[in-house]
Structures are given as structure tokens and as C-alpha cells.
């Protein structure tokens, strides 16, 4: 599996997987209504997931081995790639980015549900 390029990509993938798992558990016998999601459930799930991952990163803090960044980034390592940063700033998408991502995922998921129905 490829590592996500940024937090937004990771969260979109997690949200899509959650929508997919829920549609499988509900079934598709009554049509497209089974594919509808309660956005509050997904948002709280993703918030808890992101907070848990952030807490895990903070807990490891200084105890991280020096080889850890190269283990997380297998491509582009070595002298030619330049120095690796130990800590990177988290990407915070704008509200427009979030809305656009959610709309795209809903359309994509609806298309997916219509294909398997």
C-alpha cells in the first residue's frame, strides 16, 4: 500500500473505506437508500482516528529512533535526496477543500453503489 501524500488524502481514503464497509454491512436490497450515511458518525469517527494518531505521535516524541524517517519514506532517501526533516507541519485543508472532497466522495460512492446494485 502506498503512503498517503498528506493528511487530507489519508482522511478521504479512511472515509471512503468506512462508507464502503457500512454499505456492505447494511446490504443493497432496498436500493440506493442503503448507501446514505450519517455524516455526523463519519466525522466523529475520523476526528477520533486523527486525534488518536496525533496522540500516538506525541507520545513517542524524542524516543523515536534516528532511522524512523527513512523507514516511513522508502523512496528518496540517501545523500542525493538531501536531509530529511524529523517533524513536518500538518496540512490543514481550507473549508472549500473539505467541501469539495466530501462532494467528490459522495458522488464517487453513489456511483459505486449504483454499479453494485
N, C-alpha and C. Protein backbone atom coordinates (compact mmCIF):
# COMPACT_ATOMS: atom_id res chain seq x y z
N UNK A 1 0.84 -1.18 0.00
CA UNK A 1 0.00 0.00 0.00
C UNK A 1 0.88 1.24 0.00
N UNK A 2 0.50 2.23 -0.79
CA UNK A 2 1.25 3.47 -0.88
C UNK A 2 0.93 4.38 0.30
N UNK A 3 1.93 5.07 0.79
CA UNK A 3 1.70 6.02 1.88
C UNK A 3 0.96 7.24 1.33
N UNK A 4 0.04 7.81 2.11
CA UNK A 4 -0.67 8.99 1.63
C UNK A 4 0.26 10.20 1.52
N UNK A 5 -0.05 11.07 0.56
CA UNK A 5 0.77 12.26 0.36
C UNK A 5 0.53 13.30 1.43
N UNK A 6 -0.65 13.33 1.98
CA UNK A 6 -0.96 14.30 3.03
C UNK A 6 -2.12 13.80 3.87
N UNK A 7 -2.41 14.53 4.91
CA UNK A 7 -3.46 14.14 5.84
C UNK A 7 -4.82 14.08 5.15
N UNK A 8 -5.10 15.03 4.27
CA UNK A 8 -6.39 15.07 3.59
C UNK A 8 -6.60 13.80 2.76
N UNK A 9 -5.56 13.38 2.05
CA UNK A 9 -5.67 12.16 1.25
C UNK A 9 -5.95 10.96 2.15
N UNK A 10 -5.25 10.89 3.28
CA UNK A 10 -5.44 9.79 4.21
C UNK A 10 -6.88 9.78 4.74
N UNK A 11 -7.37 10.94 5.16
CA UNK A 11 -8.71 11.02 5.72
C UNK A 11 -9.77 10.68 4.68
N UNK A 12 -9.56 11.13 3.44
CA UNK A 12 -10.51 10.79 2.37
C UNK A 12 -10.55 9.28 2.16
N UNK A 13 -9.39 8.64 2.19
CA UNK A 13 -9.32 7.19 1.99
C UNK A 13 -10.03 6.46 3.14
N UNK A 14 -9.77 6.92 4.38
CA UNK A 14 -10.42 6.31 5.54
C UNK A 14 -11.94 6.48 5.47
N UNK A 15 -12.38 7.67 5.08
CA UNK A 15 -13.81 7.95 4.99
C UNK A 15 -14.45 7.07 3.92
N UNK A 16 -13.79 6.92 2.78
CA UNK A 16 -14.31 6.09 1.70
C UNK A 16 -14.40 4.63 2.14
N UNK A 17 -13.36 4.15 2.84
CA UNK A 17 -13.39 2.77 3.32
C UNK A 17 -14.51 2.57 4.32
N UNK A 18 -14.72 3.55 5.20
CA UNK A 18 -15.80 3.44 6.17
C UNK A 18 -17.15 3.40 5.47
N UNK A 19 -17.34 4.26 4.47
CA UNK A 19 -18.60 4.26 3.72
C UNK A 19 -18.79 2.91 3.03
N UNK A 20 -17.72 2.37 2.47
CA UNK A 20 -17.79 1.08 1.78
C UNK A 20 -18.15 -0.03 2.77
N UNK A 21 -17.51 -0.05 3.94
CA UNK A 21 -17.79 -1.08 4.92
C UNK A 21 -19.23 -0.99 5.42
N UNK A 22 -19.71 0.22 5.63
CA UNK A 22 -21.09 0.37 6.10
C UNK A 22 -22.08 -0.08 5.04
N UNK A 23 -21.81 0.19 3.78
CA UNK A 23 -22.74 -0.23 2.74
C UNK A 23 -22.76 -1.75 2.64
N UNK A 24 -21.61 -2.40 2.87
CA UNK A 24 -21.57 -3.86 2.86
C UNK A 24 -22.35 -4.44 4.02
N UNK A 25 -22.26 -3.82 5.20
CA UNK A 25 -22.93 -4.36 6.37
C UNK A 25 -24.44 -4.14 6.30
N UNK A 26 -24.88 -3.08 5.64
CA UNK A 26 -26.32 -2.79 5.54
C UNK A 26 -26.96 -3.62 4.44
N UNK A 27 -26.24 -3.83 3.36
CA UNK A 27 -26.79 -4.57 2.23
C UNK A 27 -27.32 -3.61 1.18
N UNK A 28 -27.66 -4.15 0.01
CA UNK A 28 -28.12 -3.28 -1.07
C UNK A 28 -29.47 -3.73 -1.62
N UNK A 29 -30.28 -4.42 -0.82
CA UNK A 29 -31.52 -4.96 -1.34
C UNK A 29 -32.62 -3.92 -1.52
N UNK A 30 -32.59 -2.84 -0.76
CA UNK A 30 -33.67 -1.86 -0.89
C UNK A 30 -33.27 -0.67 -1.75
N UNK A 31 -32.23 -0.79 -2.51
CA UNK A 31 -31.85 0.26 -3.45
C UNK A 31 -30.80 1.20 -2.90
N UNK A 32 -30.81 2.44 -3.42
CA UNK A 32 -29.77 3.41 -3.09
C UNK A 32 -29.86 3.97 -1.68
N UNK A 33 -31.00 3.83 -1.00
CA UNK A 33 -31.12 4.42 0.32
C UNK A 33 -30.16 3.77 1.32
N UNK A 34 -29.77 2.54 1.08
CA UNK A 34 -28.83 1.88 1.98
C UNK A 34 -27.45 2.52 1.94
N UNK A 35 -27.15 3.24 0.87
CA UNK A 35 -25.83 3.83 0.72
C UNK A 35 -25.71 5.17 1.43
N UNK A 36 -26.82 5.72 1.89
CA UNK A 36 -26.75 7.01 2.56
C UNK A 36 -26.11 6.85 3.92
N UNK A 37 -25.32 7.85 4.27
CA UNK A 37 -24.57 7.80 5.51
C UNK A 37 -25.02 8.93 6.43
N UNK A 38 -24.82 8.74 7.71
CA UNK A 38 -25.00 9.84 8.65
C UNK A 38 -23.66 10.54 8.75
N UNK A 39 -23.53 11.75 8.21
CA UNK A 39 -22.21 12.41 8.18
C UNK A 39 -21.66 12.67 9.57
N UNK A 40 -22.51 12.79 10.58
CA UNK A 40 -22.01 13.03 11.93
C UNK A 40 -21.23 11.83 12.44
N UNK A 41 -21.68 10.63 12.12
CA UNK A 41 -20.95 9.44 12.55
C UNK A 41 -19.57 9.39 11.92
N UNK A 42 -19.49 9.65 10.62
CA UNK A 42 -18.20 9.61 9.93
C UNK A 42 -17.26 10.67 10.46
N UNK A 43 -17.78 11.88 10.65
CA UNK A 43 -16.93 12.96 11.13
C UNK A 43 -16.39 12.67 12.52
N UNK A 44 -17.24 12.13 13.40
CA UNK A 44 -16.75 11.82 14.74
C UNK A 44 -15.74 10.68 14.68
N UNK A 45 -15.99 9.69 13.82
CA UNK A 45 -15.03 8.60 13.67
C UNK A 45 -13.68 9.12 13.19
N UNK A 46 -13.70 9.97 12.16
CA UNK A 46 -12.45 10.49 11.62
C UNK A 46 -11.75 11.40 12.62
N UNK A 47 -12.52 12.17 13.39
CA UNK A 47 -11.92 13.02 14.41
C UNK A 47 -11.23 12.20 15.48
N UNK A 48 -11.88 11.14 15.93
CA UNK A 48 -11.28 10.26 16.93
C UNK A 48 -10.04 9.59 16.36
N UNK A 49 -10.13 9.14 15.12
CA UNK A 49 -8.98 8.48 14.49
C UNK A 49 -7.80 9.44 14.38
N UNK A 50 -8.06 10.66 13.92
CA UNK A 50 -6.98 11.63 13.76
C UNK A 50 -6.39 12.02 15.11
N UNK A 51 -7.24 12.21 16.12
CA UNK A 51 -6.75 12.55 17.45
C UNK A 51 -5.92 11.41 18.03
N UNK A 52 -6.36 10.18 17.81
CA UNK A 52 -5.60 9.04 18.33
C UNK A 52 -4.24 8.95 17.67
N UNK A 53 -4.19 9.13 16.38
CA UNK A 53 -2.90 9.09 15.68
C UNK A 53 -2.00 10.23 16.14
N UNK A 54 -2.57 11.42 16.33
CA UNK A 54 -1.77 12.55 16.81
C UNK A 54 -1.24 12.30 18.20
N UNK A 55 -2.06 11.70 19.06
CA UNK A 55 -1.62 11.40 20.42
C UNK A 55 -0.51 10.36 20.41
N UNK A 56 -0.61 9.39 19.53
CA UNK A 56 0.44 8.38 19.44
C UNK A 56 1.75 9.01 18.99
N UNK A 57 1.68 9.93 18.03
CA UNK A 57 2.89 10.60 17.57
C UNK A 57 3.50 11.44 18.68
N UNK A 58 2.68 12.12 19.48
CA UNK A 58 3.18 12.95 20.56
C UNK A 58 3.79 12.10 21.66
N UNK A 59 3.21 10.93 21.92
CA UNK A 59 3.73 10.07 22.99
C UNK A 59 5.11 9.53 22.65
N UNK A 60 5.36 9.25 21.38
CA UNK A 60 6.67 8.71 21.02
C UNK A 60 7.73 9.78 21.11
N UNK A 61 7.40 11.03 20.78
CA UNK A 61 8.27 12.18 20.94
C UNK A 61 9.73 11.93 20.62
N UNK A 62 10.61 12.14 21.59
CA UNK A 62 12.05 12.02 21.42
C UNK A 62 12.52 10.57 21.36
N UNK A 63 11.67 9.64 21.76
CA UNK A 63 12.09 8.23 21.82
C UNK A 63 12.17 7.58 20.44
N UNK A 64 11.83 8.33 19.40
CA UNK A 64 11.86 7.79 18.05
C UNK A 64 13.29 7.50 17.62
N UNK A 65 13.55 6.33 17.04
CA UNK A 65 14.90 6.04 16.55
C UNK A 65 15.26 6.94 15.37
N UNK A 66 16.55 7.16 15.18
CA UNK A 66 17.02 8.05 14.12
C UNK A 66 16.67 7.51 12.74
N UNK A 67 16.53 6.20 12.60
CA UNK A 67 16.23 5.62 11.30
C UNK A 67 14.75 5.66 10.97
N UNK A 68 13.93 6.16 11.88
CA UNK A 68 12.49 6.18 11.69
C UNK A 68 12.03 6.93 10.44
N UNK A 69 12.55 8.14 10.14
CA UNK A 69 12.05 8.83 8.93
C UNK A 69 12.33 8.07 7.65
N UNK A 70 13.47 7.42 7.55
CA UNK A 70 13.77 6.68 6.33
C UNK A 70 12.90 5.44 6.22
N UNK A 71 12.48 4.89 7.35
CA UNK A 71 11.59 3.72 7.30
C UNK A 71 10.21 4.13 6.82
N UNK A 72 9.79 5.36 7.15
CA UNK A 72 8.48 5.83 6.71
C UNK A 72 8.49 6.30 5.27
N UNK A 73 9.65 6.65 4.74
CA UNK A 73 9.75 7.20 3.40
C UNK A 73 10.78 6.41 2.61
N UNK A 74 10.41 5.24 2.06
CA UNK A 74 11.39 4.39 1.40
C UNK A 74 11.97 4.99 0.12
N UNK A 75 11.25 5.87 -0.56
CA UNK A 75 11.79 6.45 -1.78
C UNK A 75 12.38 7.80 -1.46
N UNK A 76 13.43 8.16 -2.17
CA UNK A 76 14.03 9.46 -2.00
C UNK A 76 14.95 9.57 -0.81
N UNK A 77 15.43 8.47 -0.29
CA UNK A 77 16.36 8.53 0.82
C UNK A 77 17.78 8.49 0.30
N UNK A 78 18.70 8.80 1.15
CA UNK A 78 20.10 8.77 0.75
C UNK A 78 20.66 10.16 0.61
N UNK A 79 21.94 10.26 0.24
CA UNK A 79 22.62 11.54 0.16
C UNK A 79 22.05 12.42 -0.95
N UNK A 80 21.59 11.82 -2.04
CA UNK A 80 21.08 12.60 -3.16
C UNK A 80 19.75 13.28 -2.83
N UNK A 81 19.00 12.73 -1.90
CA UNK A 81 17.68 13.27 -1.57
C UNK A 81 17.78 14.47 -0.64
N UNK A 82 18.91 14.70 -0.02
CA UNK A 82 19.05 15.81 0.91
C UNK A 82 18.62 15.38 2.31
N UNK A 83 18.75 16.28 3.27
CA UNK A 83 18.40 15.93 4.65
C UNK A 83 16.89 15.78 4.82
N UNK A 84 16.49 14.81 5.61
CA UNK A 84 15.08 14.59 5.90
C UNK A 84 14.69 15.38 7.13
N UNK A 85 13.50 15.93 7.13
CA UNK A 85 13.02 16.64 8.30
C UNK A 85 12.41 15.64 9.26
N UNK A 86 12.75 15.77 10.53
CA UNK A 86 12.21 14.87 11.55
C UNK A 86 10.72 15.12 11.75
N UNK A 87 10.33 16.38 11.83
CA UNK A 87 8.93 16.74 12.03
C UNK A 87 8.45 17.55 10.84
N UNK A 88 7.25 17.29 10.38
CA UNK A 88 6.68 18.09 9.30
C UNK A 88 5.41 18.75 9.82
N UNK A 89 5.04 19.85 9.21
CA UNK A 89 3.83 20.53 9.63
C UNK A 89 2.62 19.80 9.06
N UNK A 90 1.57 19.74 9.87
CA UNK A 90 0.35 19.09 9.43
C UNK A 90 -0.37 19.97 8.43
N UNK A 91 -0.94 19.35 7.42
CA UNK A 91 -1.70 20.07 6.40
C UNK A 91 -3.12 20.27 6.89
N UNK A 92 -3.58 21.51 6.89
CA UNK A 92 -4.95 21.82 7.25
C UNK A 92 -5.67 22.32 6.00
N UNK A 93 -6.59 21.52 5.45
CA UNK A 93 -7.29 21.95 4.23
C UNK A 93 -8.24 23.10 4.52
N UNK A 94 -8.46 23.92 3.52
CA UNK A 94 -9.42 25.01 3.66
C UNK A 94 -10.83 24.42 3.68
N UNK A 95 -11.79 25.23 4.08
CA UNK A 95 -13.18 24.76 4.12
C UNK A 95 -13.66 24.37 2.73
N UNK A 96 -13.23 25.13 1.72
CA UNK A 96 -13.60 24.80 0.34
C UNK A 96 -13.03 23.45 -0.08
N UNK A 97 -11.78 23.17 0.32
CA UNK A 97 -11.17 21.87 0.01
C UNK A 97 -11.95 20.74 0.64
N UNK A 98 -12.35 20.93 1.89
CA UNK A 98 -13.09 19.89 2.60
C UNK A 98 -14.44 19.64 1.93
N UNK A 99 -15.14 20.71 1.60
CA UNK A 99 -16.45 20.57 0.95
C UNK A 99 -16.30 19.89 -0.41
N UNK A 100 -15.30 20.32 -1.17
CA UNK A 100 -15.07 19.71 -2.48
C UNK A 100 -14.74 18.22 -2.34
N UNK A 101 -13.92 17.87 -1.36
CA UNK A 101 -13.57 16.47 -1.14
C UNK A 101 -14.79 15.65 -0.75
N UNK A 102 -15.62 16.20 0.14
CA UNK A 102 -16.82 15.47 0.57
C UNK A 102 -17.80 15.27 -0.58
N UNK A 103 -17.98 16.31 -1.38
CA UNK A 103 -18.88 16.18 -2.54
C UNK A 103 -18.37 15.15 -3.53
N UNK A 104 -17.06 15.18 -3.78
CA UNK A 104 -16.47 14.20 -4.69
C UNK A 104 -16.67 12.79 -4.16
N UNK A 105 -16.41 12.60 -2.86
CA UNK A 105 -16.54 11.26 -2.29
C UNK A 105 -17.98 10.78 -2.31
N UNK A 106 -18.92 11.67 -2.04
CA UNK A 106 -20.33 11.28 -2.09
C UNK A 106 -20.74 10.86 -3.50
N UNK A 107 -20.32 11.65 -4.50
CA UNK A 107 -20.64 11.29 -5.90
C UNK A 107 -19.98 9.96 -6.27
N UNK A 108 -18.72 9.81 -5.89
CA UNK A 108 -17.99 8.59 -6.21
C UNK A 108 -18.63 7.39 -5.53
N UNK A 109 -19.03 7.56 -4.27
CA UNK A 109 -19.63 6.46 -3.53
C UNK A 109 -21.01 6.12 -4.09
N UNK A 110 -21.79 7.15 -4.46
CA UNK A 110 -23.10 6.89 -5.07
C UNK A 110 -22.94 6.12 -6.38
N UNK A 111 -21.93 6.50 -7.16
CA UNK A 111 -21.66 5.79 -8.42
C UNK A 111 -21.27 4.34 -8.13
N UNK A 112 -20.46 4.14 -7.10
CA UNK A 112 -20.05 2.79 -6.71
C UNK A 112 -21.28 1.96 -6.31
N UNK A 113 -22.16 2.56 -5.50
CA UNK A 113 -23.36 1.84 -5.05
C UNK A 113 -24.27 1.49 -6.21
N UNK A 114 -24.38 2.40 -7.17
CA UNK A 114 -25.26 2.12 -8.31
C UNK A 114 -24.70 1.01 -9.19
N UNK A 115 -23.39 0.89 -9.22
CA UNK A 115 -22.79 -0.18 -10.03
C UNK A 115 -22.96 -1.55 -9.41
N UNK A 116 -22.93 -1.63 -8.07
CA UNK A 116 -23.05 -2.95 -7.44
C UNK A 116 -24.50 -3.33 -7.19
N UNK A 117 -25.42 -2.38 -7.33
CA UNK A 117 -26.85 -2.67 -7.07
C UNK A 117 -27.47 -3.42 -8.23
